[in-house]
Protein backbone atom coordinates (compact mmCIF):
# COMPACT_ATOMS: atom_id res chain seq x y z
CA MET A 1 238.85 79.33 125.99
CA ASN A 2 239.49 82.42 123.90
CA LYS A 3 237.35 85.91 124.36
CA ASN A 4 235.19 85.73 121.52
CA THR A 5 234.04 82.19 122.63
CA ALA A 6 233.51 83.54 126.24
CA MET A 7 231.43 86.68 124.95
CA ASN A 8 229.18 84.07 123.02
CA ASN A 9 228.48 81.85 125.78
CA SER A 10 227.62 85.10 127.85
CA LYS A 11 225.28 86.42 125.30
CA THR A 12 223.60 83.04 124.97
CA GLU A 13 223.01 82.96 128.85
CA LYS A 14 221.48 86.05 128.84
CA ASP A 15 219.01 85.32 125.96
CA SER A 16 218.11 81.80 127.66
CA PHE A 17 217.35 84.19 130.88
CA LYS A 18 215.24 86.60 129.09
CA LYS A 19 213.14 83.83 127.23
CA GLY A 20 212.79 81.81 130.76
CA TRP A 21 211.53 85.08 132.33
CA LYS A 22 208.96 85.86 129.66
CA GLN A 23 207.83 82.58 129.72
CA SER A 24 207.55 82.45 133.57
CA PHE A 25 205.50 86.06 133.26
CA ARG A 26 203.33 84.43 130.74
CA ASP A 27 202.49 81.32 132.59
CA TYR A 28 202.34 82.72 136.20
CA LEU A 29 200.94 86.23 135.78
CA LEU A 30 199.31 86.83 132.02
CA PHE A 31 197.39 83.66 132.09
CA PRO A 32 195.71 83.93 135.34
CA LEU A 33 194.84 87.71 134.47
CA LEU A 34 193.11 86.64 131.26
CA VAL A 35 191.19 83.82 133.06
CA SER A 36 190.28 86.56 135.58
CA LEU A 37 189.23 88.76 132.82
CA ILE A 38 186.80 86.18 131.30
CA LEU A 39 185.49 84.48 134.50
CA ILE A 40 184.36 87.99 136.11
CA PRO A 41 181.80 88.96 133.20
CA VAL A 42 180.55 85.40 133.14
CA THR A 43 180.08 85.34 136.72
CA ARG A 44 178.30 88.53 136.64
CA TYR A 45 176.04 87.32 134.10
CA TYR A 46 175.02 84.39 135.98
CA THR A 47 175.01 86.43 139.07
CA ILE A 48 172.47 88.90 137.32
CA ILE A 49 170.53 85.82 135.82
CA SER A 50 170.17 84.57 139.31
CA GLU A 51 169.21 87.86 140.80
CA GLN A 52 166.40 88.30 137.89
CA ARG A 53 165.13 84.74 138.78
CA SER A 54 164.88 85.50 142.35
CA VAL A 55 163.14 88.90 141.69
CA ALA A 56 160.77 87.13 139.18
CA ASN A 57 159.82 84.51 141.71
CA ASP A 58 159.33 86.99 144.57
CA LEU A 59 157.07 89.10 142.22
CA SER A 60 155.10 85.75 141.08
CA ILE A 61 154.49 84.94 144.46
CA LYS A 62 153.31 88.32 145.69
CA THR A 63 151.00 88.56 142.62
CA GLY A 64 149.92 85.09 143.28
CA ILE A 65 150.81 83.63 140.06
CA GLU A 66 153.09 81.54 141.21
CA GLY A 67 155.62 79.41 138.69
CA ASN A 68 159.16 79.24 137.61
CA TYR A 69 159.92 82.58 135.70
CA ASP A 70 163.55 83.57 134.55
CA THR A 71 162.83 87.29 134.20
CA VAL A 72 160.50 89.99 135.44
CA ASP A 73 159.21 90.43 131.70
CA GLU A 74 157.89 86.70 131.88
CA VAL A 75 155.95 87.42 134.96
CA ILE A 76 154.60 90.81 133.55
CA ASN A 77 153.71 88.99 130.34
CA GLU A 78 151.76 86.32 132.29
CA ILE A 79 150.11 88.96 134.53
CA THR A 80 148.74 90.71 131.00
CA VAL A 81 147.50 87.66 129.99
CA ARG A 82 145.79 86.86 132.88
CA TYR A 83 144.46 90.47 133.04
CA THR A 84 143.12 90.07 129.55
CA ASP A 85 141.55 86.84 130.07
CA ALA A 86 139.83 88.33 133.25
CA ILE A 87 138.38 91.12 131.42
CA ASP A 88 137.01 88.91 128.94
CA GLU A 89 135.20 86.85 131.73
CA CYS A 90 134.03 89.98 133.03
CA ASN A 91 132.60 91.13 129.98
CA LYS A 92 130.81 87.71 129.41
CA LEU A 93 129.31 87.67 133.07
CA ASN A 94 128.29 91.36 132.37
CA ASP A 95 126.14 90.26 129.06
CA LYS A 96 124.71 87.31 131.03
CA ILE A 97 123.67 89.62 134.09
CA LYS A 98 122.26 92.05 131.36
CA GLU A 99 120.15 89.02 129.76
CA LYS A 100 119.04 88.11 133.07
CA ASN A 101 117.88 91.66 133.97
CA ALA A 102 116.25 91.87 130.74
CA LEU A 103 114.31 88.51 131.41
CA ILE A 104 113.51 89.66 135.01
CA GLU A 105 112.13 93.23 133.42
CA GLU A 106 110.01 90.97 130.94
CA LEU A 107 108.70 88.74 133.64
CA GLN A 108 107.73 91.97 136.01
CA SER A 109 106.12 93.44 132.94
CA LYS A 110 103.82 90.26 132.61
CA ILE A 111 103.09 90.16 136.20
CA SER A 112 102.12 94.03 136.06
CA SER A 113 100.05 93.33 133.02
CA ALA A 114 98.35 90.40 134.83
CA GLN A 115 97.80 92.41 137.86
CA ASN A 116 96.36 95.48 135.82
CA ALA A 117 94.35 92.97 133.43
CA SER A 118 90.93 94.06 132.80
CA GLN A 119 88.19 92.59 134.95
CA VAL A 120 85.75 90.58 132.88
CA GLU A 121 82.18 89.08 133.38
CA TYR A 122 80.32 87.41 130.99
CA HIS A 123 76.39 87.27 131.36
CA THR A 124 73.30 85.66 129.84
CA ILE A 125 70.61 88.14 128.75
CA ALA A 126 67.09 88.24 127.35
CA ILE A 127 65.78 90.43 125.03
CA LEU A 128 62.53 92.80 125.15
CA LYS A 129 60.84 95.09 122.79
CA ASP A 130 58.14 97.56 123.95
CA GLY A 131 57.88 95.51 127.28
CA GLN A 132 57.41 92.07 125.69
CA LYS A 133 60.49 89.46 125.94
CA THR A 134 61.25 88.35 122.41
CA GLU A 135 64.10 86.32 123.23
CA ASP A 136 65.79 84.59 126.29
CA GLY A 137 69.03 83.06 127.03
CA ILE A 138 71.54 84.61 124.68
CA LYS A 139 74.66 83.15 126.25
CA ASN A 140 77.73 85.70 126.73
CA GLY A 141 75.28 88.37 125.33
CA LEU A 142 76.75 90.81 127.84
CA ALA A 143 80.24 91.61 128.66
CA ILE A 144 81.23 93.94 131.74
CA ILE A 145 84.67 95.12 130.95
CA ASP A 146 86.02 97.36 133.93
CA GLY A 147 82.38 98.40 134.70
CA LYS A 148 81.48 98.92 131.04
CA ASN A 149 78.78 97.11 129.39
CA TYR A 150 79.51 95.42 125.82
CA TYR A 151 76.61 93.73 124.15
CA SER A 152 77.35 90.66 121.54
CA GLU A 153 76.51 90.84 117.80
CA ASP A 154 73.71 88.55 118.64
CA SER A 155 72.03 90.40 121.26
CA VAL A 156 72.21 93.45 119.21
CA ASN A 157 71.07 92.13 116.00
CA SER A 158 68.07 90.44 118.11
CA LEU A 159 67.27 93.83 119.43
CA LEU A 160 67.61 95.47 116.13
CA GLU A 161 66.25 93.09 113.87
CA SER A 162 69.60 92.23 112.08
CA LYS A 163 70.32 95.56 111.01
CA VAL A 164 73.75 95.60 112.45
CA TYR A 165 76.58 94.51 110.13
CA LEU A 166 80.37 94.23 110.95
CA ASP A 167 82.80 94.45 108.23
CA LYS A 168 85.85 92.80 109.55
CA GLU A 169 88.10 93.93 106.75
CA THR A 170 87.47 97.48 107.39
CA LYS A 171 86.71 97.04 111.16
CA SER A 172 83.52 98.94 110.58
CA LEU A 173 80.37 98.30 112.39
CA PHE A 174 77.23 99.37 110.18
CA TYR A 175 73.57 100.01 111.27
CA ASP A 176 71.60 99.62 108.13
CA THR A 177 67.78 100.15 108.51
CA ALA A 178 67.10 98.25 105.33
CA GLY A 179 68.67 95.19 106.74
CA THR A 180 71.09 94.52 104.01
CA SER A 181 73.47 91.78 104.44
CA ASN A 182 76.37 93.80 103.04
CA PRO A 183 76.12 97.38 103.69
CA LYS A 184 78.78 100.03 102.43
CA GLU A 185 79.63 103.42 103.21
CA THR A 186 77.37 105.56 101.17
CA LYS A 187 77.60 109.29 102.63
CA VAL A 188 80.41 111.36 104.10
CA ALA A 189 80.48 114.35 106.15
CA LEU A 190 81.97 117.54 104.37
CA GLU A 191 84.61 117.86 107.32
CA ASP A 192 85.90 114.84 106.43
CA THR A 193 86.82 115.50 102.63
CA GLU A 194 88.90 118.37 101.21
CA VAL A 195 86.17 119.00 98.27
CA LEU A 196 85.36 122.75 99.52
CA TYR A 197 88.59 124.02 98.52
CA ASP A 198 88.27 127.74 97.97
CA GLY A 199 85.99 130.62 97.80
CA GLU A 200 84.92 134.37 98.64
CA HIS A 201 83.84 135.83 101.84
CA TYR A 202 83.54 132.20 103.18
CA ARG A 203 85.29 130.33 106.19
CA ILE A 204 85.46 126.66 107.03
CA TYR A 205 84.81 125.14 110.33
CA LYS A 206 86.49 122.08 111.43
CA SER A 207 86.65 120.09 114.68
CA PRO A 208 88.35 120.40 117.11
CA SER A 209 87.81 124.05 116.93
CA SER A 210 87.13 126.48 119.82
CA GLU A 211 84.73 128.38 117.67
CA ALA A 212 81.39 127.58 116.14
CA ILE A 213 78.64 128.61 113.65
CA THR A 214 75.77 129.45 115.71
CA LEU A 215 72.25 129.17 114.38
CA GLY A 216 69.44 129.99 116.66
CA SER A 217 70.66 128.67 119.96
CA THR A 218 72.63 125.74 118.81
CA GLN A 219 76.22 125.66 118.15
CA TYR A 220 78.07 123.50 115.31
CA LYS A 221 81.69 122.88 115.54
CA THR A 222 81.74 122.07 111.79
CA GLY A 223 80.43 123.44 108.42
CA PHE A 224 81.19 126.76 106.47
CA THR A 225 79.83 130.27 106.42
CA LEU A 226 79.25 132.74 103.54
CA SER A 227 79.25 136.28 104.50
CA PRO A 228 78.15 138.78 101.40
CA LYS A 229 79.02 142.23 101.93
CA TYR A 230 78.36 145.43 100.19
CA GLY A 231 76.71 143.73 97.02
CA HIS A 232 79.56 141.42 96.89
CA PRO A 233 78.11 137.75 97.38
CA GLY A 234 79.91 135.04 99.34
CA LYS A 235 80.92 132.02 97.27
CA ALA A 236 82.07 128.34 98.09
CA LEU A 237 83.89 126.39 95.23
CA PHE A 238 83.66 122.68 95.33
CA ASP A 239 85.92 119.92 93.47
CA LEU A 240 83.45 117.15 93.44
CA GLY A 241 85.39 115.03 90.81
CA GLY A 242 82.16 113.59 89.69
CA ASN A 243 82.21 111.35 93.01
CA TYR A 244 78.79 112.20 94.44
CA SER A 245 75.06 111.79 93.87
CA LYS A 246 73.56 114.48 96.40
CA ILE A 247 74.56 116.91 98.80
CA CYS A 248 72.32 117.84 102.04
CA PHE A 249 72.91 120.55 104.64
CA ASP A 250 70.98 123.03 106.63
CA VAL A 251 71.35 126.46 106.19
CA GLY A 252 70.36 129.70 108.26
CA ARG A 253 71.05 133.19 109.13
CA VAL A 254 73.90 133.12 111.68
CA THR A 255 72.97 134.39 115.00
CA GLY A 256 73.55 137.85 115.43
CA ALA A 257 74.11 138.84 112.02
CA SER A 258 72.12 141.47 110.11
CA ALA A 259 68.58 140.54 108.86
CA ALA A 260 67.45 141.29 105.62
CA LYS A 261 64.20 140.68 103.49
CA THR A 262 65.74 138.92 100.73
CA ASN A 263 68.32 136.27 101.14
CA GLU A 264 69.10 134.17 98.54
CA ILE A 265 71.44 130.89 97.95
CA SER A 266 72.17 130.27 94.07
CA VAL A 267 73.85 126.86 92.93
CA TYR A 268 75.88 126.39 89.74
CA PHE A 269 77.41 123.25 88.21
CA GLY A 270 80.69 125.06 86.79
CA GLU A 271 79.16 128.04 84.81
CA GLU A 272 75.40 126.21 84.70
CA PHE A 273 73.03 127.73 86.93
CA VAL A 274 71.05 124.92 88.78
CA GLU A 275 68.65 126.56 91.19
CA LYS A 276 67.68 129.41 93.58
CA ILE A 277 67.11 128.89 97.29
CA GLU A 278 65.18 131.42 99.43
CA ILE A 279 66.41 132.07 103.08
CA ASN A 280 64.07 133.71 105.47
CA ALA A 281 66.03 135.52 107.82
CA ASN A 282 63.50 134.90 110.74
CA VAL A 283 63.84 130.83 110.53
CA VAL A 284 66.51 128.99 112.70
CA SER A 285 67.46 126.86 109.32
CA LYS A 286 66.33 125.27 106.45
CA HIS A 287 67.10 121.93 104.94
CA VAL A 288 68.30 121.68 101.59
CA GLU A 289 68.76 118.60 99.66
CA ILE A 290 70.90 118.90 95.99
CA GLU A 291 70.93 116.43 93.39
CA LEU A 292 74.64 116.44 92.08
CA ASN A 293 74.04 113.74 88.99
CA ASN A 294 78.17 113.23 89.82
CA ALA A 295 78.89 116.83 88.65
CA SER A 296 82.64 117.48 88.54
CA GLU A 297 82.37 120.86 90.24
CA MET A 298 79.81 123.15 91.98
CA ILE A 299 79.51 126.63 93.25
CA ILE A 300 77.25 127.99 96.02
CA LYS A 301 76.65 131.75 95.92
CA ALA A 302 74.93 133.57 99.05
CA SER A 303 73.66 137.18 98.36
CA THR A 304 71.48 139.38 100.57
CA SER A 305 69.66 142.92 100.28
CA ALA A 306 71.33 144.09 103.52
CA LEU A 307 73.52 147.05 102.79
CA ASP A 308 75.92 146.21 105.50
CA GLY A 309 75.79 142.35 104.69
CA THR A 310 75.09 139.27 106.62
CA SER A 311 76.34 135.72 107.27
CA PHE A 312 74.84 132.36 106.54
CA GLY A 313 75.69 129.11 108.13
CA PHE A 314 76.01 125.68 106.21
CA VAL A 315 75.98 122.98 108.80
CA ASN A 316 75.31 118.93 109.08
CA VAL A 317 76.87 119.05 105.23
CA ILE A 318 76.45 115.36 103.93
CA LEU A 319 77.80 114.29 100.74
CA GLU A 320 76.12 110.95 99.21
CA TYR A 321 77.83 108.70 96.66
């Protein structure tokens, strides 16, 4: 064997040895390492999964919602759903409780009303006029309600000769001395209108008022006064609107006011003089009736000869349609 051949053989053996060593390193050391690197995270993953399942199941048992859960989040979601459902159910129950409470209050109110209901007694009565019985046996002619007496329309009409009439539309009860079958409102008190709207040295009195007009020894809560002073007459202005046919009133010197020999009331329809009325300062009051003839406006003036003035009171003022 020559030297070159020996060297080649030696090199070939060295290469073969290196190649074999590399393969052995790969087969016996590198491959298991790679397998380990893969298995460790996989094992860790499944370990975590197992731990999560264990924690989730323990949590589900402790919260009373036992079941198969993979994660704690699933348990929390289930708790949230059940909590929401429970709240909805509570709200529904609260609504039912409120309805029942309202029903109970209504029943209690009805019971209370029934307990406090008026005590009513009905009686058959007889009618006597000037000591003589004119009718007997008017059924339910008298009702006693909480100790107060109420008489039926039949009994009242029997006593007053059918001069009482009830207007059901206006809920008004009329007593008409003429006994008409369908009476209507024909008069109105001055204080129930706004026809007296202005004036001079005048004052209006309307109920309820702590002050009053005194004529003689009688006090009147409604009406008006005219108080002429130092040659200036008292004046009352009326806007009648053509709605009235007559005005009636009682007029006299207000008690305590200065007395004079001459006291006059003048009446005008607009600028047209109608009449003059003399007032005696020593007479309590005088009844006056003035035909209005549906005038649209009226002025009442009061004058006196008293140097320091006086005051006239107009009471029981009634306007007729």
